[in-house]
Amino acid sequence: MKYLDAFRTLAKHRKDEIVVTSAGNSGQAWWAATRDTEATFYLDASMSLSTMFSSGLALARPELKIWAFMGDGAFCMNPGMLMVERQMNLPNLTHILVSNRVYGATSNAELPNFSDNDYGAIARAMGLERVFEFRDLNALERDFPSVVSGNSSGHTFVVLEVEPFSDAEQKLEQPPFDGPELKFRFGRYVEKRTDCDIFGYRL
């Protein structure tokens, strides 16, 4: 699948889910597909922690549904995160692993063992039961809504097999927020959606 085509398909099926992107290509692609300025946290320099950040939010606010993106380059830094995700087993969290077999943020340098890494098998070996893999855009269009709707049985792990960014896509705009602006936009949105008081005062 083309990276941007896959993200546009996911965006089309998004309802009220909060989204956390990983550093690099997933943030660029989600911004290109959605231009979302409030309900997405573009976690820069996340270094494999986007799903851990999301797990804390999902645990604290079970009424929210959260999609957490992560590239396979980040995943390779910390596959042990799946042990934590399996133990928490949060039904309102969907971990979306975007597998392009390269480090997108470093000019598409190939990942170690890139042709044989089986991320779905790794997740199942950690004990995850809701594991889904998509390599075809038509299958993603058809089946993704049922994967993320009405889940109450535990954590969901989705692998998207996509092509690396092209040279032109590498030049896509980064989400145009600095850290403080992003924090307040996202935090205020979560406050509106929940009874959570994040900043200690309400506007």
N, C-alpha and C. Protein backbone atom coordinates (compact mmCIF):
# COMPACT_ATOMS: atom_id res chain seq x y z
N MET A 1 0.85 -1.19 0.00
CA MET A 1 0.00 0.00 0.00
C MET A 1 0.88 1.24 0.00
N LYS A 2 0.40 2.29 -0.62
CA LYS A 2 1.03 3.58 -0.50
C LYS A 2 0.75 4.13 0.91
N TYR A 3 1.77 4.70 1.50
CA TYR A 3 1.68 5.20 2.87
C TYR A 3 0.50 6.18 3.03
N LEU A 4 0.44 7.19 2.16
CA LEU A 4 -0.60 8.21 2.28
C LEU A 4 -1.98 7.65 1.98
N ASP A 5 -2.07 6.73 1.03
CA ASP A 5 -3.37 6.11 0.72
C ASP A 5 -3.90 5.37 1.95
N ALA A 6 -3.03 4.65 2.63
CA ALA A 6 -3.45 3.92 3.83
C ALA A 6 -3.95 4.89 4.90
N PHE A 7 -3.23 5.99 5.10
CA PHE A 7 -3.63 6.94 6.13
C PHE A 7 -4.93 7.66 5.76
N ARG A 8 -5.12 7.95 4.50
CA ARG A 8 -6.38 8.58 4.08
C ARG A 8 -7.55 7.63 4.31
N THR A 9 -7.32 6.34 4.11
CA THR A 9 -8.37 5.36 4.36
C THR A 9 -8.70 5.30 5.85
N LEU A 10 -7.69 5.27 6.70
CA LEU A 10 -7.95 5.27 8.14
C LEU A 10 -8.70 6.54 8.55
N ALA A 11 -8.27 7.68 8.02
CA ALA A 11 -8.91 8.94 8.39
C ALA A 11 -10.38 8.95 7.99
N LYS A 12 -10.69 8.33 6.88
CA LYS A 12 -12.07 8.29 6.42
C LYS A 12 -12.96 7.51 7.38
N HIS A 13 -12.39 6.52 8.05
CA HIS A 13 -13.17 5.68 8.96
C HIS A 13 -13.05 6.12 10.43
N ARG A 14 -12.34 7.18 10.67
CA ARG A 14 -12.23 7.70 12.03
C ARG A 14 -13.55 8.36 12.44
N LYS A 15 -13.95 8.10 13.66
CA LYS A 15 -15.15 8.74 14.21
C LYS A 15 -14.71 9.77 15.24
N ASP A 16 -14.72 9.39 16.52
CA ASP A 16 -14.31 10.35 17.54
C ASP A 16 -13.03 9.92 18.24
N GLU A 17 -12.25 9.04 17.60
CA GLU A 17 -11.01 8.56 18.21
C GLU A 17 -9.99 9.69 18.36
N ILE A 18 -9.31 9.69 19.48
CA ILE A 18 -8.14 10.53 19.67
C ILE A 18 -6.94 9.81 19.05
N VAL A 19 -6.04 10.56 18.43
CA VAL A 19 -4.91 9.97 17.72
C VAL A 19 -3.60 10.50 18.31
N VAL A 20 -2.64 9.60 18.48
CA VAL A 20 -1.28 9.97 18.85
C VAL A 20 -0.37 9.43 17.76
N THR A 21 0.41 10.31 17.14
CA THR A 21 1.33 9.86 16.10
C THR A 21 2.73 9.75 16.66
N SER A 22 3.55 8.97 15.98
CA SER A 22 4.95 8.82 16.33
C SER A 22 5.76 9.88 15.59
N ALA A 23 7.02 10.00 15.93
CA ALA A 23 7.88 10.95 15.24
C ALA A 23 8.06 10.56 13.78
N GLY A 24 8.28 11.55 12.93
CA GLY A 24 8.62 11.26 11.54
C GLY A 24 7.43 11.12 10.62
N ASN A 25 7.44 10.08 9.80
CA ASN A 25 6.50 9.97 8.70
C ASN A 25 5.04 9.87 9.12
N SER A 26 4.74 9.21 10.23
CA SER A 26 3.33 9.05 10.59
C SER A 26 2.70 10.39 10.93
N GLY A 27 3.45 11.28 11.58
CA GLY A 27 2.93 12.60 11.86
C GLY A 27 2.69 13.39 10.60
N GLN A 28 3.64 13.33 9.67
CA GLN A 28 3.49 14.02 8.39
C GLN A 28 2.28 13.48 7.62
N ALA A 29 2.15 12.15 7.57
CA ALA A 29 1.07 11.54 6.79
C ALA A 29 -0.30 11.83 7.41
N TRP A 30 -0.39 11.79 8.74
CA TRP A 30 -1.68 12.06 9.38
C TRP A 30 -2.06 13.52 9.22
N TRP A 31 -1.08 14.42 9.30
CA TRP A 31 -1.37 15.84 9.07
C TRP A 31 -1.83 16.06 7.64
N ALA A 32 -1.18 15.40 6.67
CA ALA A 32 -1.58 15.54 5.27
C ALA A 32 -2.99 15.00 5.04
N ALA A 33 -3.35 13.94 5.74
CA ALA A 33 -4.65 13.29 5.53
C ALA A 33 -5.78 14.00 6.26
N THR A 34 -5.49 14.68 7.38
CA THR A 34 -6.58 15.18 8.23
C THR A 34 -6.54 16.67 8.52
N ARG A 35 -5.35 17.26 8.58
CA ARG A 35 -5.19 18.64 9.06
C ARG A 35 -5.85 18.81 10.44
N ASP A 36 -5.78 17.79 11.25
CA ASP A 36 -6.38 17.84 12.58
C ASP A 36 -5.53 18.70 13.50
N THR A 37 -6.15 19.68 14.13
CA THR A 37 -5.42 20.63 14.97
C THR A 37 -5.70 20.47 16.47
N GLU A 38 -6.62 19.56 16.86
CA GLU A 38 -6.97 19.45 18.26
C GLU A 38 -6.94 18.02 18.80
N ALA A 39 -7.54 17.09 18.07
CA ALA A 39 -7.75 15.74 18.59
C ALA A 39 -6.62 14.79 18.25
N THR A 40 -5.51 15.33 17.77
CA THR A 40 -4.31 14.54 17.49
C THR A 40 -3.14 15.14 18.25
N PHE A 41 -2.37 14.26 18.92
CA PHE A 41 -1.13 14.69 19.55
C PHE A 41 0.02 14.19 18.69
N TYR A 42 0.73 15.12 18.05
CA TYR A 42 1.84 14.80 17.17
C TYR A 42 3.10 14.69 18.03
N LEU A 43 3.38 13.48 18.50
CA LEU A 43 4.43 13.27 19.48
C LEU A 43 5.79 13.25 18.79
N ASP A 44 6.48 14.37 18.82
CA ASP A 44 7.77 14.48 18.15
C ASP A 44 8.85 13.82 19.01
N ALA A 45 9.88 13.29 18.36
CA ALA A 45 11.01 12.65 19.06
C ALA A 45 10.51 11.62 20.07
N SER A 46 9.56 10.80 19.64
CA SER A 46 8.88 9.88 20.56
C SER A 46 9.73 8.67 20.94
N MET A 47 10.68 8.29 20.09
CA MET A 47 11.64 7.23 20.41
C MET A 47 10.96 5.98 20.97
N SER A 48 9.92 5.53 20.30
CA SER A 48 9.19 4.28 20.60
C SER A 48 8.21 4.40 21.75
N LEU A 49 7.91 5.61 22.21
CA LEU A 49 7.05 5.77 23.38
C LEU A 49 5.64 6.26 23.06
N SER A 50 5.27 6.30 21.80
CA SER A 50 3.92 6.81 21.47
C SER A 50 2.83 5.94 22.06
N THR A 51 3.02 4.62 22.08
CA THR A 51 1.96 3.77 22.63
C THR A 51 1.98 3.77 24.16
N MET A 52 3.12 4.04 24.76
CA MET A 52 3.16 4.16 26.21
C MET A 52 2.46 5.44 26.67
N PHE A 53 2.71 6.54 25.96
CA PHE A 53 1.98 7.79 26.20
C PHE A 53 0.48 7.54 26.06
N SER A 54 0.11 6.85 25.00
CA SER A 54 -1.31 6.58 24.73
C SER A 54 -1.91 5.65 25.77
N SER A 55 -1.13 4.69 26.25
CA SER A 55 -1.63 3.76 27.26
C SER A 55 -2.00 4.51 28.54
N GLY A 56 -1.18 5.47 28.93
CA GLY A 56 -1.50 6.25 30.12
C GLY A 56 -2.79 7.01 29.96
N LEU A 57 -2.99 7.60 28.79
CA LEU A 57 -4.22 8.33 28.52
C LEU A 57 -5.43 7.40 28.48
N ALA A 58 -5.25 6.25 27.82
CA ALA A 58 -6.35 5.28 27.73
C ALA A 58 -6.73 4.71 29.09
N LEU A 59 -5.73 4.49 29.94
CA LEU A 59 -6.00 3.98 31.28
C LEU A 59 -6.74 5.01 32.12
N ALA A 60 -6.32 6.27 32.02
CA ALA A 60 -6.92 7.34 32.83
C ALA A 60 -8.32 7.70 32.36
N ARG A 61 -8.57 7.62 31.06
CA ARG A 61 -9.86 8.04 30.51
C ARG A 61 -10.43 6.91 29.66
N PRO A 62 -11.02 5.89 30.28
CA PRO A 62 -11.53 4.74 29.52
C PRO A 62 -12.68 5.07 28.58
N GLU A 63 -13.27 6.25 28.73
CA GLU A 63 -14.36 6.63 27.82
C GLU A 63 -13.83 7.08 26.46
N LEU A 64 -12.53 7.32 26.35
CA LEU A 64 -11.93 7.74 25.09
C LEU A 64 -11.40 6.53 24.32
N LYS A 65 -11.59 6.54 23.01
CA LYS A 65 -10.95 5.57 22.14
C LYS A 65 -9.72 6.23 21.53
N ILE A 66 -8.61 5.50 21.55
CA ILE A 66 -7.33 6.10 21.15
C ILE A 66 -6.65 5.21 20.12
N TRP A 67 -6.19 5.84 19.03
CA TRP A 67 -5.34 5.18 18.05
C TRP A 67 -3.93 5.71 18.24
N ALA A 68 -2.97 4.81 18.39
CA ALA A 68 -1.57 5.20 18.56
C ALA A 68 -0.75 4.66 17.40
N PHE A 69 -0.19 5.56 16.60
CA PHE A 69 0.66 5.16 15.48
C PHE A 69 2.10 5.00 15.92
N MET A 70 2.78 4.06 15.30
CA MET A 70 4.21 3.85 15.53
C MET A 70 4.82 3.25 14.27
N GLY A 71 5.96 3.78 13.85
CA GLY A 71 6.69 3.17 12.75
C GLY A 71 7.44 1.94 13.22
N ASP A 72 7.78 1.07 12.28
CA ASP A 72 8.52 -0.13 12.70
C ASP A 72 9.95 0.19 13.10
N GLY A 73 10.48 1.34 12.65
CA GLY A 73 11.79 1.75 13.14
C GLY A 73 11.75 2.02 14.64
N ALA A 74 10.71 2.72 15.10
CA ALA A 74 10.54 2.96 16.52
C ALA A 74 10.26 1.65 17.26
N PHE A 75 9.46 0.80 16.66
CA PHE A 75 9.13 -0.47 17.30
C PHE A 75 10.39 -1.30 17.57
N CYS A 76 11.32 -1.28 16.63
CA CYS A 76 12.54 -2.05 16.80
C CYS A 76 13.39 -1.55 17.97
N MET A 77 13.20 -0.30 18.36
CA MET A 77 13.93 0.22 19.51
C MET A 77 13.43 -0.35 20.83
N ASN A 78 12.16 -0.78 20.86
CA ASN A 78 11.57 -1.15 22.14
C ASN A 78 10.41 -2.13 21.96
N PRO A 79 10.64 -3.32 21.39
CA PRO A 79 9.52 -4.26 21.23
C PRO A 79 8.94 -4.73 22.55
N GLY A 80 9.71 -4.55 23.64
CA GLY A 80 9.18 -4.93 24.95
C GLY A 80 7.97 -4.14 25.39
N MET A 81 7.65 -3.05 24.67
CA MET A 81 6.44 -2.31 24.98
C MET A 81 5.20 -3.20 24.91
N LEU A 82 5.27 -4.24 24.05
CA LEU A 82 4.12 -5.13 23.91
C LEU A 82 3.85 -5.91 25.19
N MET A 83 4.87 -6.16 25.99
CA MET A 83 4.64 -6.82 27.28
C MET A 83 3.76 -5.96 28.17
N VAL A 84 4.05 -4.66 28.18
CA VAL A 84 3.25 -3.74 28.99
C VAL A 84 1.84 -3.63 28.41
N GLU A 85 1.74 -3.49 27.10
CA GLU A 85 0.43 -3.36 26.46
C GLU A 85 -0.42 -4.61 26.71
N ARG A 86 0.20 -5.79 26.65
CA ARG A 86 -0.56 -7.02 26.89
C ARG A 86 -1.01 -7.10 28.35
N GLN A 87 -0.16 -6.71 29.27
CA GLN A 87 -0.56 -6.77 30.67
C GLN A 87 -1.69 -5.78 30.97
N MET A 88 -1.62 -4.59 30.38
CA MET A 88 -2.68 -3.61 30.59
C MET A 88 -3.95 -4.01 29.85
N ASN A 89 -3.80 -4.50 28.62
CA ASN A 89 -4.91 -5.04 27.82
C ASN A 89 -6.08 -4.07 27.76
N LEU A 90 -5.82 -2.85 27.36
CA LEU A 90 -6.83 -1.79 27.37
C LEU A 90 -7.72 -1.88 26.13
N PRO A 91 -9.01 -2.08 26.30
CA PRO A 91 -9.88 -2.25 25.13
C PRO A 91 -10.10 -0.97 24.34
N ASN A 92 -9.76 0.17 24.91
CA ASN A 92 -9.95 1.44 24.19
C ASN A 92 -8.68 1.93 23.49
N LEU A 93 -7.66 1.07 23.41
CA LEU A 93 -6.40 1.45 22.75
C LEU A 93 -6.14 0.55 21.54
N THR A 94 -5.89 1.18 20.40
CA THR A 94 -5.48 0.46 19.20
C THR A 94 -4.08 0.92 18.81
N HIS A 95 -3.14 -0.01 18.81
CA HIS A 95 -1.75 0.24 18.42
C HIS A 95 -1.64 -0.06 16.93
N ILE A 96 -1.33 0.96 16.14
CA ILE A 96 -1.21 0.80 14.69
C ILE A 96 0.26 0.90 14.32
N LEU A 97 0.84 -0.24 13.99
CA LEU A 97 2.26 -0.31 13.62
C LEU A 97 2.37 -0.12 12.10
N VAL A 98 3.04 0.94 11.69
CA VAL A 98 3.19 1.25 10.28
C VAL A 98 4.53 0.69 9.81
N SER A 99 4.47 -0.40 9.07
CA SER A 99 5.67 -1.14 8.68
C SER A 99 6.05 -0.79 7.25
N ASN A 100 7.14 -0.01 7.12
CA ASN A 100 7.67 0.24 5.78
C ASN A 100 9.08 -0.31 5.62
N ARG A 101 9.56 -1.03 6.67
CA ARG A 101 10.82 -1.77 6.64
C ARG A 101 12.06 -0.87 6.54
N VAL A 102 11.88 0.44 6.83
CA VAL A 102 13.00 1.36 6.79
C VAL A 102 12.87 2.34 7.96
N TYR A 103 13.97 3.04 8.23
CA TYR A 103 13.93 4.19 9.12
C TYR A 103 13.58 5.41 8.28
N GLY A 104 12.31 5.76 8.27
CA GLY A 104 11.86 6.84 7.39
C GLY A 104 12.49 8.18 7.70
N ALA A 105 12.83 8.40 8.97
CA ALA A 105 13.38 9.69 9.37
C ALA A 105 14.85 9.83 9.02
N THR A 106 15.47 8.76 8.57
CA THR A 106 16.90 8.82 8.22
C THR A 106 17.09 8.37 6.77
N SER A 107 16.33 9.01 5.88
CA SER A 107 16.48 8.79 4.43
C SER A 107 16.27 7.34 4.02
N ASN A 108 15.31 6.68 4.70
CA ASN A 108 14.90 5.31 4.35
C ASN A 108 16.03 4.29 4.46
N ALA A 109 16.87 4.43 5.48
CA ALA A 109 17.86 3.39 5.75
C ALA A 109 17.15 2.10 6.14
N GLU A 110 17.58 0.98 5.59
CA GLU A 110 16.89 -0.28 5.83
C GLU A 110 17.02 -0.73 7.28
N LEU A 111 15.94 -1.31 7.80
CA LEU A 111 15.97 -1.87 9.14
C LEU A 111 16.79 -3.16 9.16
N PRO A 112 17.41 -3.50 10.27
CA PRO A 112 18.06 -4.81 10.39
C PRO A 112 17.04 -5.93 10.17
N ASN A 113 17.44 -6.93 9.42
CA ASN A 113 16.60 -8.11 9.19
C ASN A 113 15.25 -7.73 8.58
N PHE A 114 15.23 -6.66 7.79
CA PHE A 114 13.98 -6.04 7.37
C PHE A 114 13.06 -6.98 6.61
N SER A 115 13.60 -7.90 5.85
CA SER A 115 12.73 -8.73 5.01
C SER A 115 12.05 -9.85 5.78
N ASP A 116 12.54 -10.19 6.95
CA ASP A 116 12.00 -11.33 7.69
C ASP A 116 11.25 -10.95 8.97
N ASN A 117 11.32 -9.70 9.38
CA ASN A 117 10.63 -9.31 10.62
C ASN A 117 9.13 -9.52 10.47
N ASP A 118 8.55 -10.25 11.39
CA ASP A 118 7.12 -10.56 11.36
C ASP A 118 6.49 -9.95 12.61
N TYR A 119 5.95 -8.76 12.47
CA TYR A 119 5.47 -8.02 13.64
C TYR A 119 4.20 -8.63 14.24
N GLY A 120 3.36 -9.18 13.39
CA GLY A 120 2.18 -9.86 13.90
C GLY A 120 2.55 -11.06 14.75
N ALA A 121 3.54 -11.82 14.29
CA ALA A 121 4.00 -12.99 15.05
C ALA A 121 4.63 -12.57 16.38
N ILE A 122 5.37 -11.46 16.37
CA ILE A 122 5.96 -10.96 17.61
C ILE A 122 4.86 -10.61 18.60
N ALA A 123 3.82 -9.93 18.13
CA ALA A 123 2.73 -9.55 19.02
C ALA A 123 2.02 -10.78 19.58
N ARG A 124 1.78 -11.76 18.74
CA ARG A 124 1.11 -12.98 19.23
C ARG A 124 1.99 -13.71 20.24
N ALA A 125 3.30 -13.69 20.03
CA ALA A 125 4.20 -14.34 20.97
C ALA A 125 4.19 -13.66 22.33
N MET A 126 3.85 -12.37 22.35
CA MET A 126 3.73 -11.63 23.61
C MET A 126 2.39 -11.88 24.29
N GLY A 127 1.51 -12.64 23.63
CA GLY A 127 0.22 -12.96 24.21
C GLY A 127 -0.94 -12.13 23.71
N LEU A 128 -0.69 -11.19 22.78
CA LEU A 128 -1.80 -10.41 22.25
C LEU A 128 -2.69 -11.29 21.39
N GLU A 129 -3.99 -11.11 21.53
CA GLU A 129 -4.95 -11.95 20.82
C GLU A 129 -5.60 -11.23 19.64
N ARG A 130 -5.79 -9.92 19.78
CA ARG A 130 -6.44 -9.15 18.71
C ARG A 130 -5.35 -8.54 17.83
N VAL A 131 -4.85 -9.34 16.89
CA VAL A 131 -3.77 -8.94 16.00
C VAL A 131 -4.28 -9.00 14.56
N PHE A 132 -4.13 -7.91 13.84
CA PHE A 132 -4.65 -7.81 12.47
C PHE A 132 -3.55 -7.24 11.57
N GLU A 133 -3.49 -7.73 10.34
CA GLU A 133 -2.46 -7.28 9.41
C GLU A 133 -3.10 -6.93 8.07
N PHE A 134 -2.68 -5.80 7.50
CA PHE A 134 -3.22 -5.33 6.23
C PHE A 134 -2.08 -5.02 5.27
N ARG A 135 -2.15 -5.62 4.10
CA ARG A 135 -1.17 -5.37 3.04
C ARG A 135 -1.80 -4.82 1.77
N ASP A 136 -3.12 -4.74 1.77
CA ASP A 136 -3.87 -4.39 0.57
C ASP A 136 -4.88 -3.30 0.93
N LEU A 137 -4.95 -2.28 0.10
CA LEU A 137 -5.83 -1.14 0.39
C LEU A 137 -7.30 -1.54 0.39
N ASN A 138 -7.69 -2.43 -0.51
CA ASN A 138 -9.09 -2.87 -0.54
C ASN A 138 -9.47 -3.60 0.74
N ALA A 139 -8.57 -4.43 1.24
CA ALA A 139 -8.84 -5.14 2.50
C ALA A 139 -8.91 -4.15 3.66
N LEU A 140 -8.04 -3.16 3.65
CA LEU A 140 -8.08 -2.14 4.71
C LEU A 140 -9.39 -1.38 4.68
N GLU A 141 -9.83 -1.00 3.51
CA GLU A 141 -11.10 -0.29 3.35
C GLU A 141 -12.27 -1.14 3.84
N ARG A 142 -12.22 -2.41 3.53
CA ARG A 142 -13.33 -3.31 3.85
C ARG A 142 -13.36 -3.70 5.33
N ASP A 143 -12.22 -4.02 5.89
CA ASP A 143 -12.19 -4.68 7.19
C ASP A 143 -11.79 -3.80 8.38
N PHE A 144 -11.11 -2.69 8.13
CA PHE A 144 -10.64 -1.89 9.26
C PHE A 144 -11.77 -1.40 10.16
N PRO A 145 -12.91 -0.94 9.62
CA PRO A 145 -13.97 -0.47 10.52
C PRO A 145 -14.42 -1.52 11.53
N SER A 146 -14.51 -2.78 11.12
CA SER A 146 -14.94 -3.82 12.06
C SER A 146 -13.86 -4.14 13.09
N VAL A 147 -12.59 -3.91 12.73
CA VAL A 147 -11.48 -4.16 13.66
C VAL A 147 -11.54 -3.20 14.83
N VAL A 148 -11.89 -1.94 14.57
CA VAL A 148 -11.81 -0.91 15.62
C VAL A 148 -13.16 -0.53 16.21
N SER A 149 -14.24 -1.11 15.75
CA SER A 149 -15.55 -0.73 16.28
C SER A 149 -16.05 -1.78 17.25
N GLY A 150 -16.59 -1.32 18.35
CA GLY A 150 -17.27 -2.21 19.29
C GLY A 150 -16.38 -3.19 20.01
N ASN A 151 -15.07 -2.92 20.08
CA ASN A 151 -14.18 -3.85 20.77
C ASN A 151 -14.29 -3.68 22.28
N SER A 152 -14.51 -4.76 22.99
CA SER A 152 -14.55 -4.72 24.46
C SER A 152 -13.70 -5.82 25.07
N SER A 153 -12.98 -6.56 24.21
CA SER A 153 -12.29 -7.76 24.71
C SER A 153 -10.81 -7.54 24.95
N GLY A 154 -10.30 -6.32 24.71
CA GLY A 154 -8.89 -6.09 25.00
C GLY A 154 -8.18 -5.31 23.92
N HIS A 155 -6.91 -5.14 24.14
CA HIS A 155 -6.02 -4.34 23.30
C HIS A 155 -5.99 -4.85 21.86
N THR A 156 -5.92 -3.92 20.92
CA THR A 156 -5.89 -4.25 19.50
C THR A 156 -4.56 -3.80 18.89
N PHE A 157 -3.96 -4.69 18.11
CA PHE A 157 -2.67 -4.43 17.46
C PHE A 157 -2.88 -4.60 15.95
N VAL A 158 -2.60 -3.55 15.19
CA VAL A 158 -2.82 -3.55 13.75
C VAL A 158 -1.49 -3.27 13.05
N VAL A 159 -1.14 -4.11 12.08
CA VAL A 159 0.06 -3.89 11.27
C VAL A 159 -0.37 -3.43 9.88
N LEU A 160 0.15 -2.28 9.47
CA LEU A 160 -0.05 -1.80 8.11
C LEU A 160 1.26 -1.96 7.34
N GLU A 161 1.26 -2.77 6.30
CA GLU A 161 2.44 -2.91 5.45
C GLU A 161 2.33 -1.90 4.31
N VAL A 162 3.23 -0.91 4.34
CA VAL A 162 3.16 0.18 3.37
C VAL A 162 4.52 0.37 2.70
N GLU A 163 4.50 1.10 1.61
CA GLU A 163 5.74 1.44 0.94
C GLU A 163 6.41 2.61 1.65
N PRO A 164 7.73 2.68 1.64
CA PRO A 164 8.39 3.85 2.22
C PRO A 164 7.98 5.13 1.51
N PHE A 165 8.10 6.24 2.21
CA PHE A 165 7.88 7.54 1.59
C PHE A 165 8.77 7.69 0.37
N SER A 166 8.22 8.26 -0.69
CA SER A 166 9.02 8.64 -1.85
C SER A 166 9.82 9.90 -1.51
N ASP A 167 10.72 10.28 -2.39
CA ASP A 167 11.50 11.50 -2.18
C ASP A 167 10.58 12.71 -2.04
N ALA A 168 9.52 12.76 -2.85
CA ALA A 168 8.59 13.88 -2.78
C ALA A 168 7.83 13.87 -1.45
N GLU A 169 7.43 12.68 -1.00
CA GLU A 169 6.68 12.59 0.26
C GLU A 169 7.56 12.96 1.46
N GLN A 170 8.84 12.71 1.37
CA GLN A 170 9.74 13.10 2.46
C GLN A 170 9.68 14.60 2.72
N LYS A 171 9.23 15.36 1.73
CA LYS A 171 9.17 16.81 1.85
C LYS A 171 7.80 17.30 2.32
N LEU A 172 6.91 16.36 2.70
CA LEU A 172 5.60 16.77 3.21
C LEU A 172 5.77 17.65 4.45
N GLU A 173 4.81 18.53 4.62
CA GLU A 173 4.84 19.46 5.74
C GLU A 173 4.77 18.72 7.08
N GLN A 174 5.57 19.16 8.01
CA GLN A 174 5.43 18.68 9.39
C GLN A 174 4.25 19.41 10.03
N PRO A 175 3.56 18.78 11.00
CA PRO A 175 2.50 19.50 11.70
C PRO A 175 3.04 20.81 12.27
N PRO A 176 2.40 21.94 11.98
CA PRO A 176 2.99 23.26 12.26
C PRO A 176 2.72 23.76 13.67
N PHE A 177 3.10 22.98 14.68
CA PHE A 177 2.89 23.39 16.07
C PHE A 177 4.19 23.25 16.84
N ASP A 178 4.46 24.21 17.71
CA ASP A 178 5.54 23.98 18.66
C ASP A 178 4.96 23.24 19.87
N GLY A 179 5.84 22.81 20.78
CA GLY A 179 5.40 21.98 21.89
C GLY A 179 4.32 22.58 22.75
N PRO A 180 4.47 23.83 23.24
CA PRO A 180 3.44 24.41 24.11
C PRO A 180 2.08 24.55 23.43
N GLU A 181 2.07 24.99 22.16
CA GLU A 181 0.79 25.13 21.47
C GLU A 181 0.11 23.78 21.31
N LEU A 182 0.86 22.77 20.91
CA LEU A 182 0.31 21.43 20.74
C LEU A 182 -0.25 20.91 22.05
N LYS A 183 0.51 21.10 23.13
CA LYS A 183 0.06 20.63 24.45
C LYS A 183 -1.27 21.25 24.83
N PHE A 184 -1.40 22.56 24.66
CA PHE A 184 -2.62 23.22 25.08
C PHE A 184 -3.79 22.91 24.16
N ARG A 185 -3.56 22.84 22.86
CA ARG A 185 -4.65 22.47 21.95
C ARG A 185 -5.20 21.09 22.30
N PHE A 186 -4.30 20.13 22.45
CA PHE A 186 -4.71 18.75 22.72
C PHE A 186 -5.31 18.63 24.13
N GLY A 187 -4.66 19.23 25.10
CA GLY A 187 -5.17 19.14 26.47
C GLY A 187 -6.54 19.75 26.62
N ARG A 188 -6.76 20.90 26.02
CA ARG A 188 -8.09 21.52 26.09
C ARG A 188 -9.15 20.65 25.40
N TYR A 189 -8.76 19.99 24.32
CA TYR A 189 -9.71 19.10 23.65
C TYR A 189 -10.09 17.94 24.56
N VAL A 190 -9.11 17.33 25.22
CA VAL A 190 -9.41 16.23 26.14
C VAL A 190 -10.28 16.72 27.29
N GLU A 191 -10.04 17.91 27.78
CA GLU A 191 -10.89 18.46 28.83
C GLU A 191 -12.33 18.61 28.35
N LYS A 192 -12.53 19.04 27.11
CA LYS A 192 -13.88 19.19 26.58
C LYS A 192 -14.59 17.85 26.46
N ARG A 193 -13.82 16.81 26.13
CA ARG A 193 -14.41 15.48 25.93
C ARG A 193 -14.67 14.73 27.24
N THR A 194 -14.03 15.13 28.31
CA THR A 194 -14.08 14.38 29.57
C THR A 194 -14.30 15.36 30.72
N ASP A 195 -14.36 14.80 31.93
CA ASP A 195 -14.42 15.66 33.12
C ASP A 195 -13.04 15.87 33.72
N CYS A 196 -12.01 15.59 32.95
CA CYS A 196 -10.63 15.69 33.42
C CYS A 196 -10.19 17.15 33.43
N ASP A 197 -9.53 17.56 34.51
CA ASP A 197 -8.97 18.90 34.65
C ASP A 197 -7.46 18.78 34.49
N ILE A 198 -6.97 19.08 33.31
CA ILE A 198 -5.56 18.85 32.99
C ILE A 198 -4.67 19.99 33.47
N PHE A 199 -5.11 21.22 33.27
CA PHE A 199 -4.22 22.36 33.50
C PHE A 199 -4.48 23.06 34.83
N GLY A 200 -5.44 22.59 35.61
CA GLY A 200 -5.70 23.20 36.90
C GLY A 200 -6.68 24.35 36.88
N TYR A 201 -7.12 24.72 35.70
CA TYR A 201 -8.14 25.78 35.60
C TYR A 201 -8.86 25.59 34.27
N ARG A 202 -10.08 26.02 34.21
CA ARG A 202 -10.89 25.93 33.01
C ARG A 202 -11.00 27.30 32.36
N LEU A 203 -10.98 27.31 31.02
CA LEU A 203 -11.19 28.57 30.30
C LEU A 203 -12.65 28.95 30.36
